[in-house]
Amino acid sequence: MTHQLLLYPMAAHIAWVAFLYVLLTIVRAPAVWGVIKSKKENWASIEPRI
């Protein structure tokens, strides 16, 4: 019974972490891969911590 109580929160946590990883990769990829040439066009103006 205990494993059933932990299964869904653990699965939700893994899904959330995977989503955040993909989101941050997409946000940072243009600057890292050189798609954005000017530093003025990156996400730093929107979110300076990224």
N, C-alpha and C. Protein backbone atom coordinates (compact mmCIF):
# COMPACT_ATOMS: atom_id res chain seq x y z
N MET A 1 0.82 -1.19 0.00
CA MET A 1 0.00 0.00 0.00
C MET A 1 0.87 1.26 0.00
N THR A 2 1.98 1.21 0.68
CA THR A 2 2.83 2.39 0.76
C THR A 2 3.38 2.76 -0.61
N HIS A 3 3.71 1.77 -1.42
CA HIS A 3 4.25 2.07 -2.73
C HIS A 3 3.24 2.78 -3.62
N GLN A 4 1.96 2.50 -3.43
CA GLN A 4 0.93 3.20 -4.20
C GLN A 4 0.82 4.66 -3.80
N LEU A 5 1.04 4.95 -2.53
CA LEU A 5 0.97 6.33 -2.06
C LEU A 5 2.13 7.17 -2.57
N LEU A 6 3.26 6.53 -2.82
CA LEU A 6 4.44 7.25 -3.28
C LEU A 6 4.59 7.27 -4.80
N LEU A 7 3.92 6.37 -5.47
CA LEU A 7 4.09 6.23 -6.91
C LEU A 7 3.69 7.50 -7.67
N TYR A 8 2.52 8.03 -7.42
CA TYR A 8 2.03 9.19 -8.17
C TYR A 8 2.80 10.47 -7.86
N PRO A 9 3.11 10.76 -6.60
CA PRO A 9 3.94 11.95 -6.36
C PRO A 9 5.34 11.85 -6.98
N MET A 10 5.92 10.66 -6.95
CA MET A 10 7.24 10.47 -7.56
C MET A 10 7.17 10.64 -9.07
N ALA A 11 6.15 10.09 -9.69
CA ALA A 11 5.97 10.22 -11.14
C ALA A 11 5.73 11.68 -11.51
N ALA A 12 4.95 12.39 -10.71
CA ALA A 12 4.70 13.81 -10.97
C ALA A 12 5.99 14.61 -10.83
N HIS A 13 6.80 14.28 -9.86
CA HIS A 13 8.06 14.98 -9.66
C HIS A 13 9.00 14.75 -10.84
N ILE A 14 9.10 13.54 -11.30
CA ILE A 14 9.96 13.22 -12.45
C ILE A 14 9.46 13.94 -13.70
N ALA A 15 8.15 13.96 -13.90
CA ALA A 15 7.59 14.66 -15.06
C ALA A 15 7.86 16.16 -14.97
N TRP A 16 7.74 16.73 -13.78
CA TRP A 16 7.98 18.16 -13.58
C TRP A 16 9.46 18.50 -13.86
N VAL A 17 10.36 17.69 -13.36
CA VAL A 17 11.79 17.93 -13.58
C VAL A 17 12.12 17.80 -15.06
N ALA A 18 11.56 16.83 -15.73
CA ALA A 18 11.81 16.66 -17.17
C ALA A 18 11.27 17.86 -17.94
N PHE A 19 10.10 18.34 -17.57
CA PHE A 19 9.51 19.51 -18.23
C PHE A 19 10.39 20.74 -18.03
N LEU A 20 10.86 20.97 -16.82
CA LEU A 20 11.72 22.12 -16.56
C LEU A 20 13.04 22.02 -17.32
N TYR A 21 13.60 20.82 -17.40
CA TYR A 21 14.84 20.61 -18.13
C TYR A 21 14.65 20.97 -19.60
N VAL A 22 13.58 20.49 -20.20
CA VAL A 22 13.31 20.78 -21.61
C VAL A 22 13.06 22.27 -21.80
N LEU A 23 12.28 22.87 -20.92
CA LEU A 23 11.98 24.29 -21.04
C LEU A 23 13.25 25.15 -20.94
N LEU A 24 14.08 24.89 -19.97
CA LEU A 24 15.31 25.67 -19.82
C LEU A 24 16.29 25.41 -20.96
N THR A 25 16.30 24.20 -21.50
CA THR A 25 17.15 23.89 -22.64
C THR A 25 16.68 24.68 -23.86
N ILE A 26 15.39 24.75 -24.08
CA ILE A 26 14.86 25.51 -25.21
C ILE A 26 15.13 27.00 -25.04
N VAL A 27 15.02 27.49 -23.82
CA VAL A 27 15.24 28.92 -23.58
C VAL A 27 16.71 29.28 -23.80
N ARG A 28 17.62 28.43 -23.36
CA ARG A 28 19.05 28.75 -23.46
C ARG A 28 19.68 28.32 -24.78
N ALA A 29 19.07 27.41 -25.49
CA ALA A 29 19.69 26.85 -26.69
C ALA A 29 20.07 27.89 -27.74
N PRO A 30 19.23 28.86 -28.07
CA PRO A 30 19.64 29.82 -29.11
C PRO A 30 20.93 30.56 -28.78
N ALA A 31 21.12 30.97 -27.53
CA ALA A 31 22.34 31.68 -27.16
C ALA A 31 23.54 30.73 -27.14
N VAL A 32 23.33 29.53 -26.69
CA VAL A 32 24.44 28.56 -26.60
C VAL A 32 24.85 28.09 -27.98
N TRP A 33 23.88 27.83 -28.85
CA TRP A 33 24.19 27.32 -30.18
C TRP A 33 24.57 28.43 -31.17
N GLY A 34 24.48 29.67 -30.75
CA GLY A 34 24.87 30.78 -31.61
C GLY A 34 23.79 31.23 -32.56
N VAL A 35 22.55 30.85 -32.34
CA VAL A 35 21.45 31.30 -33.20
C VAL A 35 21.22 32.79 -32.99
N ILE A 36 21.31 33.22 -31.75
CA ILE A 36 21.17 34.63 -31.43
C ILE A 36 22.57 35.25 -31.43
N LYS A 37 22.80 36.17 -32.34
CA LYS A 37 24.12 36.78 -32.47
C LYS A 37 24.31 37.93 -31.48
N SER A 38 23.27 38.70 -31.27
CA SER A 38 23.37 39.87 -30.40
C SER A 38 22.93 39.50 -28.99
N LYS A 39 23.66 39.97 -28.02
CA LYS A 39 23.29 39.71 -26.62
C LYS A 39 22.02 40.46 -26.23
N LYS A 40 21.63 41.45 -26.99
CA LYS A 40 20.42 42.22 -26.67
C LYS A 40 19.14 41.44 -26.96
N GLU A 41 19.23 40.40 -27.77
CA GLU A 41 18.04 39.66 -28.17
C GLU A 41 17.80 38.40 -27.33
N ASN A 42 18.60 38.18 -26.31
CA ASN A 42 18.42 36.94 -25.56
C ASN A 42 17.44 37.13 -24.41
N TRP A 43 17.28 36.10 -23.63
CA TRP A 43 16.30 36.09 -22.54
C TRP A 43 16.76 36.88 -21.32
N ALA A 44 17.97 37.39 -21.33
CA ALA A 44 18.48 38.12 -20.17
C ALA A 44 17.67 39.37 -19.87
N SER A 45 17.09 39.96 -20.87
CA SER A 45 16.27 41.14 -20.62
C SER A 45 14.95 40.77 -19.94
N ILE A 46 14.50 39.55 -20.17
CA ILE A 46 13.24 39.10 -19.57
C ILE A 46 13.51 38.49 -18.20
N GLU A 47 14.49 37.61 -18.14
CA GLU A 47 14.83 36.93 -16.89
C GLU A 47 16.34 36.92 -16.74
N PRO A 48 16.88 37.83 -15.92
CA PRO A 48 18.32 37.96 -15.85
C PRO A 48 19.05 36.76 -15.23
N ARG A 49 18.36 35.91 -14.52
CA ARG A 49 19.02 34.78 -13.88
C ARG A 49 19.24 33.61 -14.83
N ILE A 50 18.62 33.63 -15.99
CA ILE A 50 18.77 32.51 -16.93
C ILE A 50 20.09 32.64 -17.64
